[in-house]
Amino acid sequence: MNFERVPSIWFGVSGACYVLGLFLCFALAPMSFTAGFAAGGGLVVLNLWASGRKVRKAKFRQKGREIPSLLGHFYVRLVILGIGMFMLIKYAKVDSLGLVAGLSVVPAGLFIMLFLIYLANRTPEEV
């Protein structure tokens, strides 16, 4: 298994979950919930993209420098995500349940990706 491709596969699966969730929200949910889902999912998918980009650029030659840089970047993104959520709830008046549902897109993508990896790595005797 090529572990260098895992972040891009996770990003693709999470993006597909986000798009599928948007279609379902447009079809079945009220517009306020859909706006919250779109905003929360957009925030968390952008956060995942930025995280993958930072990790991909890391050289890991000098672990004494790279690890604190990655952790600092993580906490900066976490603070920006919190401020963005606050602004969306306080000023844009998006539905908070829709926002939380949108934030769960990336963990759902992770579980789907792990399930697909499990299916791909089964031996013929297990099938």
N, C-alpha and C. Protein backbone atom coordinates (compact mmCIF):
# COMPACT_ATOMS: atom_id res chain seq x y z
N MET A 1 0.84 -1.18 0.00
CA MET A 1 0.00 0.00 0.00
C MET A 1 0.88 1.24 0.00
N ASN A 2 0.54 2.19 -0.82
CA ASN A 2 1.29 3.43 -0.92
C ASN A 2 0.72 4.43 0.09
N PHE A 3 1.42 4.60 1.22
CA PHE A 3 0.91 5.45 2.29
C PHE A 3 0.98 6.94 1.96
N GLU A 4 1.76 7.33 0.96
CA GLU A 4 1.84 8.73 0.59
C GLU A 4 0.57 9.21 -0.09
N ARG A 5 -0.23 8.31 -0.61
CA ARG A 5 -1.47 8.69 -1.29
C ARG A 5 -2.67 8.75 -0.34
N VAL A 6 -2.50 8.28 0.89
CA VAL A 6 -3.63 8.23 1.83
C VAL A 6 -4.25 9.60 2.07
N PRO A 7 -3.48 10.68 2.30
CA PRO A 7 -4.14 11.98 2.51
C PRO A 7 -4.96 12.45 1.32
N SER A 8 -4.48 12.22 0.10
CA SER A 8 -5.26 12.65 -1.06
C SER A 8 -6.51 11.79 -1.24
N ILE A 9 -6.41 10.51 -0.92
CA ILE A 9 -7.59 9.64 -1.00
C ILE A 9 -8.61 10.06 0.07
N TRP A 10 -8.13 10.35 1.28
CA TRP A 10 -9.01 10.80 2.36
C TRP A 10 -9.69 12.10 1.98
N PHE A 11 -8.95 13.02 1.36
CA PHE A 11 -9.53 14.28 0.92
C PHE A 11 -10.60 14.04 -0.14
N GLY A 12 -10.35 13.13 -1.07
CA GLY A 12 -11.33 12.83 -2.11
C GLY A 12 -12.59 12.19 -1.56
N VAL A 13 -12.42 11.25 -0.64
CA VAL A 13 -13.59 10.58 -0.04
C VAL A 13 -14.39 11.58 0.80
N SER A 14 -13.69 12.43 1.55
CA SER A 14 -14.39 13.44 2.36
C SER A 14 -15.10 14.45 1.48
N GLY A 15 -14.48 14.83 0.38
CA GLY A 15 -15.13 15.74 -0.57
C GLY A 15 -16.38 15.11 -1.18
N ALA A 16 -16.30 13.82 -1.49
CA ALA A 16 -17.47 13.12 -2.03
C ALA A 16 -18.59 13.06 -0.99
N CYS A 17 -18.24 12.82 0.28
CA CYS A 17 -19.25 12.82 1.36
C CYS A 17 -19.89 14.19 1.48
N TYR A 18 -19.08 15.23 1.35
CA TYR A 18 -19.58 16.61 1.45
C TYR A 18 -20.56 16.91 0.32
N VAL A 19 -20.20 16.54 -0.90
CA VAL A 19 -21.08 16.81 -2.05
C VAL A 19 -22.36 16.00 -1.94
N LEU A 20 -22.25 14.74 -1.54
CA LEU A 20 -23.44 13.90 -1.37
C LEU A 20 -24.35 14.47 -0.27
N GLY A 21 -23.73 14.91 0.84
CA GLY A 21 -24.51 15.51 1.91
C GLY A 21 -25.19 16.80 1.48
N LEU A 22 -24.51 17.60 0.65
CA LEU A 22 -25.15 18.83 0.14
C LEU A 22 -26.37 18.51 -0.72
N PHE A 23 -26.24 17.51 -1.59
CA PHE A 23 -27.38 17.12 -2.42
C PHE A 23 -28.55 16.64 -1.55
N LEU A 24 -28.25 15.83 -0.54
CA LEU A 24 -29.31 15.35 0.34
C LEU A 24 -29.95 16.48 1.13
N CYS A 25 -29.12 17.43 1.58
CA CYS A 25 -29.66 18.57 2.33
C CYS A 25 -30.56 19.43 1.45
N PHE A 26 -30.14 19.66 0.20
CA PHE A 26 -30.98 20.45 -0.71
C PHE A 26 -32.31 19.75 -0.95
N ALA A 27 -32.28 18.42 -1.02
CA ALA A 27 -33.50 17.68 -1.33
C ALA A 27 -34.41 17.49 -0.12
N LEU A 28 -33.84 17.31 1.08
CA LEU A 28 -34.65 16.87 2.20
C LEU A 28 -34.73 17.84 3.38
N ALA A 29 -33.80 18.78 3.49
CA ALA A 29 -33.71 19.60 4.71
C ALA A 29 -34.12 21.05 4.42
N PRO A 30 -34.47 21.79 5.46
CA PRO A 30 -34.76 23.21 5.27
C PRO A 30 -33.50 23.98 4.87
N MET A 31 -33.69 25.16 4.31
CA MET A 31 -32.57 25.93 3.79
C MET A 31 -31.59 26.37 4.88
N SER A 32 -32.07 26.64 6.09
CA SER A 32 -31.17 27.05 7.16
C SER A 32 -30.23 25.90 7.55
N PHE A 33 -30.75 24.69 7.61
CA PHE A 33 -29.92 23.52 7.90
C PHE A 33 -28.91 23.30 6.77
N THR A 34 -29.36 23.45 5.53
CA THR A 34 -28.47 23.28 4.38
C THR A 34 -27.35 24.30 4.40
N ALA A 35 -27.66 25.54 4.76
CA ALA A 35 -26.62 26.58 4.84
C ALA A 35 -25.61 26.23 5.93
N GLY A 36 -26.09 25.74 7.07
CA GLY A 36 -25.18 25.33 8.14
C GLY A 36 -24.31 24.16 7.74
N PHE A 37 -24.90 23.19 7.05
CA PHE A 37 -24.13 22.04 6.58
C PHE A 37 -23.08 22.46 5.58
N ALA A 38 -23.46 23.33 4.65
CA ALA A 38 -22.51 23.81 3.64
C ALA A 38 -21.36 24.57 4.28
N ALA A 39 -21.67 25.42 5.26
CA ALA A 39 -20.63 26.21 5.91
C ALA A 39 -19.71 25.32 6.75
N GLY A 40 -20.26 24.43 7.55
CA GLY A 40 -19.46 23.56 8.40
C GLY A 40 -18.62 22.59 7.58
N GLY A 41 -19.22 22.01 6.56
CA GLY A 41 -18.47 21.10 5.71
C GLY A 41 -17.37 21.81 4.94
N GLY A 42 -17.67 23.02 4.48
CA GLY A 42 -16.65 23.79 3.78
C GLY A 42 -15.48 24.13 4.68
N LEU A 43 -15.78 24.53 5.91
CA LEU A 43 -14.70 24.84 6.86
C LEU A 43 -13.82 23.63 7.13
N VAL A 44 -14.42 22.50 7.38
CA VAL A 44 -13.64 21.33 7.77
C VAL A 44 -12.90 20.72 6.57
N VAL A 45 -13.46 20.80 5.38
CA VAL A 45 -12.76 20.30 4.19
C VAL A 45 -11.58 21.20 3.86
N LEU A 46 -11.74 22.51 3.99
CA LEU A 46 -10.61 23.41 3.80
C LEU A 46 -9.53 23.18 4.85
N ASN A 47 -9.93 22.90 6.07
CA ASN A 47 -8.98 22.59 7.13
C ASN A 47 -8.21 21.31 6.80
N LEU A 48 -8.88 20.31 6.30
CA LEU A 48 -8.23 19.06 5.91
C LEU A 48 -7.25 19.30 4.76
N TRP A 49 -7.64 20.11 3.79
CA TRP A 49 -6.77 20.43 2.66
C TRP A 49 -5.51 21.14 3.13
N ALA A 50 -5.67 22.13 4.03
CA ALA A 50 -4.51 22.86 4.54
C ALA A 50 -3.60 21.95 5.34
N SER A 51 -4.18 21.05 6.11
CA SER A 51 -3.38 20.11 6.90
C SER A 51 -2.59 19.18 6.00
N GLY A 52 -3.23 18.62 5.00
CA GLY A 52 -2.54 17.74 4.07
C GLY A 52 -1.43 18.45 3.31
N ARG A 53 -1.68 19.69 2.95
CA ARG A 53 -0.67 20.49 2.24
C ARG A 53 0.55 20.74 3.11
N LYS A 54 0.32 21.06 4.39
CA LYS A 54 1.43 21.32 5.31
C LYS A 54 2.24 20.04 5.57
N VAL A 55 1.57 18.93 5.75
CA VAL A 55 2.28 17.67 6.01
C VAL A 55 3.05 17.22 4.77
N ARG A 56 2.47 17.43 3.59
CA ARG A 56 3.14 17.05 2.36
C ARG A 56 4.41 17.87 2.14
N LYS A 57 4.40 19.14 2.55
CA LYS A 57 5.57 20.00 2.39
C LYS A 57 6.66 19.73 3.43
N ALA A 58 6.30 19.09 4.53
CA ALA A 58 7.27 18.84 5.60
C ALA A 58 8.33 17.85 5.12
N LYS A 59 9.57 18.16 5.40
CA LYS A 59 10.69 17.31 4.95
C LYS A 59 11.06 16.24 5.96
N PHE A 60 10.85 16.49 7.24
CA PHE A 60 11.15 15.58 8.34
C PHE A 60 12.63 15.20 8.39
N ARG A 61 13.51 16.07 7.87
CA ARG A 61 14.94 15.85 8.02
C ARG A 61 15.39 16.20 9.43
N GLN A 62 14.87 17.33 9.92
CA GLN A 62 15.19 17.78 11.27
C GLN A 62 13.91 17.74 12.09
N LYS A 63 13.71 16.64 12.77
CA LYS A 63 12.48 16.46 13.52
C LYS A 63 12.33 17.50 14.63
N GLY A 64 13.45 18.03 15.10
CA GLY A 64 13.38 19.06 16.14
C GLY A 64 12.70 20.33 15.67
N ARG A 65 12.71 20.58 14.37
CA ARG A 65 12.06 21.77 13.83
C ARG A 65 10.68 21.48 13.22
N GLU A 66 10.54 20.35 12.58
CA GLU A 66 9.31 20.07 11.84
C GLU A 66 8.12 19.78 12.75
N ILE A 67 8.32 19.03 13.79
CA ILE A 67 7.20 18.66 14.66
C ILE A 67 6.59 19.89 15.33
N PRO A 68 7.38 20.81 15.92
CA PRO A 68 6.76 22.01 16.48
C PRO A 68 6.09 22.88 15.42
N SER A 69 6.65 22.89 14.22
CA SER A 69 6.03 23.65 13.13
C SER A 69 4.66 23.07 12.77
N LEU A 70 4.59 21.75 12.68
CA LEU A 70 3.31 21.09 12.36
C LEU A 70 2.29 21.31 13.48
N LEU A 71 2.73 21.21 14.72
CA LEU A 71 1.81 21.42 15.85
C LEU A 71 1.34 22.87 15.91
N GLY A 72 2.25 23.81 15.67
CA GLY A 72 1.86 25.22 15.66
C GLY A 72 0.87 25.51 14.56
N HIS A 73 1.10 24.94 13.38
CA HIS A 73 0.16 25.12 12.26
C HIS A 73 -1.20 24.51 12.60
N PHE A 74 -1.19 23.36 13.28
CA PHE A 74 -2.45 22.73 13.69
C PHE A 74 -3.24 23.64 14.63
N TYR A 75 -2.57 24.20 15.63
CA TYR A 75 -3.28 25.05 16.59
C TYR A 75 -3.75 26.36 15.97
N VAL A 76 -2.99 26.90 15.03
CA VAL A 76 -3.44 28.11 14.33
C VAL A 76 -4.70 27.79 13.52
N ARG A 77 -4.71 26.65 12.81
CA ARG A 77 -5.90 26.26 12.05
C ARG A 77 -7.08 26.00 12.98
N LEU A 78 -6.83 25.42 14.14
CA LEU A 78 -7.90 25.16 15.10
C LEU A 78 -8.51 26.46 15.61
N VAL A 79 -7.70 27.45 15.90
CA VAL A 79 -8.20 28.75 16.35
C VAL A 79 -9.00 29.43 15.23
N ILE A 80 -8.48 29.38 14.00
CA ILE A 80 -9.20 29.98 12.87
C ILE A 80 -10.53 29.28 12.65
N LEU A 81 -10.55 27.96 12.79
CA LEU A 81 -11.80 27.20 12.65
C LEU A 81 -12.80 27.62 13.72
N GLY A 82 -12.35 27.77 14.96
CA GLY A 82 -13.24 28.20 16.04
C GLY A 82 -13.79 29.60 15.81
N ILE A 83 -12.94 30.51 15.35
CA ILE A 83 -13.40 31.87 15.07
C ILE A 83 -14.39 31.86 13.92
N GLY A 84 -14.12 31.06 12.90
CA GLY A 84 -15.06 30.96 11.78
C GLY A 84 -16.41 30.41 12.20
N MET A 85 -16.40 29.41 13.07
CA MET A 85 -17.68 28.86 13.55
C MET A 85 -18.43 29.89 14.39
N PHE A 86 -17.71 30.61 15.23
CA PHE A 86 -18.33 31.65 16.03
C PHE A 86 -18.98 32.70 15.15
N MET A 87 -18.26 33.14 14.12
CA MET A 87 -18.79 34.16 13.21
C MET A 87 -20.03 33.65 12.46
N LEU A 88 -19.98 32.38 12.06
CA LEU A 88 -21.13 31.83 11.34
C LEU A 88 -22.36 31.74 12.23
N ILE A 89 -22.19 31.33 13.47
CA ILE A 89 -23.34 31.20 14.37
C ILE A 89 -23.83 32.57 14.83
N LYS A 90 -22.91 33.45 15.17
CA LYS A 90 -23.28 34.75 15.75
C LYS A 90 -23.83 35.72 14.70
N TYR A 91 -23.14 35.85 13.57
CA TYR A 91 -23.49 36.88 12.61
C TYR A 91 -24.25 36.36 11.40
N ALA A 92 -23.90 35.19 10.89
CA ALA A 92 -24.59 34.66 9.72
C ALA A 92 -25.85 33.90 10.10
N LYS A 93 -26.01 33.59 11.38
CA LYS A 93 -27.21 32.92 11.91
C LYS A 93 -27.49 31.59 11.21
N VAL A 94 -26.42 30.80 10.98
CA VAL A 94 -26.64 29.48 10.39
C VAL A 94 -27.14 28.52 11.47
N ASP A 95 -27.79 27.48 11.04
CA ASP A 95 -28.32 26.47 11.97
C ASP A 95 -27.15 25.71 12.59
N SER A 96 -27.12 25.68 13.92
CA SER A 96 -25.99 25.04 14.61
C SER A 96 -25.97 23.53 14.40
N LEU A 97 -27.14 22.89 14.30
CA LEU A 97 -27.16 21.45 14.03
C LEU A 97 -26.63 21.14 12.63
N GLY A 98 -26.96 21.98 11.67
CA GLY A 98 -26.42 21.82 10.33
C GLY A 98 -24.92 22.04 10.31
N LEU A 99 -24.45 22.99 11.10
CA LEU A 99 -23.01 23.25 11.20
C LEU A 99 -22.28 22.03 11.77
N VAL A 100 -22.82 21.46 12.82
CA VAL A 100 -22.19 20.27 13.42
C VAL A 100 -22.25 19.09 12.45
N ALA A 101 -23.36 18.95 11.74
CA ALA A 101 -23.45 17.88 10.74
C ALA A 101 -22.41 18.09 9.63
N GLY A 102 -22.19 19.32 9.24
CA GLY A 102 -21.17 19.61 8.23
C GLY A 102 -19.77 19.33 8.75
N LEU A 103 -19.54 19.60 10.02
CA LEU A 103 -18.22 19.34 10.61
C LEU A 103 -17.91 17.85 10.67
N SER A 104 -18.93 17.01 10.63
CA SER A 104 -18.71 15.57 10.73
C SER A 104 -18.41 14.93 9.38
N VAL A 105 -18.25 15.73 8.32
CA VAL A 105 -17.97 15.19 6.99
C VAL A 105 -16.61 14.50 6.95
N VAL A 106 -15.59 15.11 7.52
CA VAL A 106 -14.24 14.54 7.45
C VAL A 106 -14.12 13.25 8.27
N PRO A 107 -14.64 13.19 9.50
CA PRO A 107 -14.59 11.88 10.19
C PRO A 107 -15.39 10.80 9.46
N ALA A 108 -16.51 11.17 8.86
CA ALA A 108 -17.28 10.19 8.08
C ALA A 108 -16.46 9.71 6.88
N GLY A 109 -15.74 10.64 6.24
CA GLY A 109 -14.87 10.26 5.13
C GLY A 109 -13.76 9.33 5.58
N LEU A 110 -13.24 9.52 6.78
CA LEU A 110 -12.21 8.65 7.32
C LEU A 110 -12.75 7.24 7.53
N PHE A 111 -13.94 7.11 8.11
CA PHE A 111 -14.52 5.79 8.32
C PHE A 111 -14.83 5.10 7.01
N ILE A 112 -15.31 5.83 6.02
CA ILE A 112 -15.59 5.23 4.71
C ILE A 112 -14.29 4.78 4.05
N MET A 113 -13.24 5.61 4.16
CA MET A 113 -11.95 5.25 3.58
C MET A 113 -11.39 3.99 4.25
N LEU A 114 -11.49 3.90 5.57
CA LEU A 114 -11.01 2.71 6.27
C LEU A 114 -11.78 1.47 5.86
N PHE A 115 -13.10 1.61 5.66
CA PHE A 115 -13.91 0.49 5.20
C PHE A 115 -13.50 0.07 3.79
N LEU A 116 -13.23 1.04 2.91
CA LEU A 116 -12.79 0.71 1.55
C LEU A 116 -11.41 0.04 1.55
N ILE A 117 -10.51 0.48 2.44
CA ILE A 117 -9.21 -0.17 2.56
C ILE A 117 -9.38 -1.61 3.03
N TYR A 118 -10.28 -1.81 3.98
CA TYR A 118 -10.55 -3.16 4.46
C TYR A 118 -11.07 -4.05 3.32
N LEU A 119 -11.99 -3.52 2.52
CA LEU A 119 -12.52 -4.30 1.40
C LEU A 119 -11.44 -4.60 0.37
N ALA A 120 -10.56 -3.64 0.12
CA ALA A 120 -9.53 -3.83 -0.90
C ALA A 120 -8.45 -4.81 -0.46
N ASN A 121 -8.22 -4.95 0.82
CA ASN A 121 -7.14 -5.80 1.32
C ASN A 121 -7.59 -7.19 1.74
N ARG A 122 -8.82 -7.56 1.45
CA ARG A 122 -9.26 -8.92 1.81
C ARG A 122 -8.64 -9.93 0.85
N THR A 123 -8.40 -11.12 1.33
CA THR A 123 -7.87 -12.17 0.48
C THR A 123 -9.03 -12.86 -0.23
N PRO A 124 -8.74 -13.55 -1.34
CA PRO A 124 -9.84 -14.21 -2.08
C PRO A 124 -10.58 -15.25 -1.24
N GLU A 125 -9.90 -15.86 -0.24
CA GLU A 125 -10.58 -16.86 0.58
C GLU A 125 -11.65 -16.22 1.47
N GLU A 126 -11.45 -14.93 1.82
CA GLU A 126 -12.43 -14.26 2.68
C GLU A 126 -13.68 -13.86 1.92
N VAL A 127 -13.57 -13.71 0.61
CA VAL A 127 -14.69 -13.29 -0.20
C VAL A 127 -15.54 -14.46 -0.49
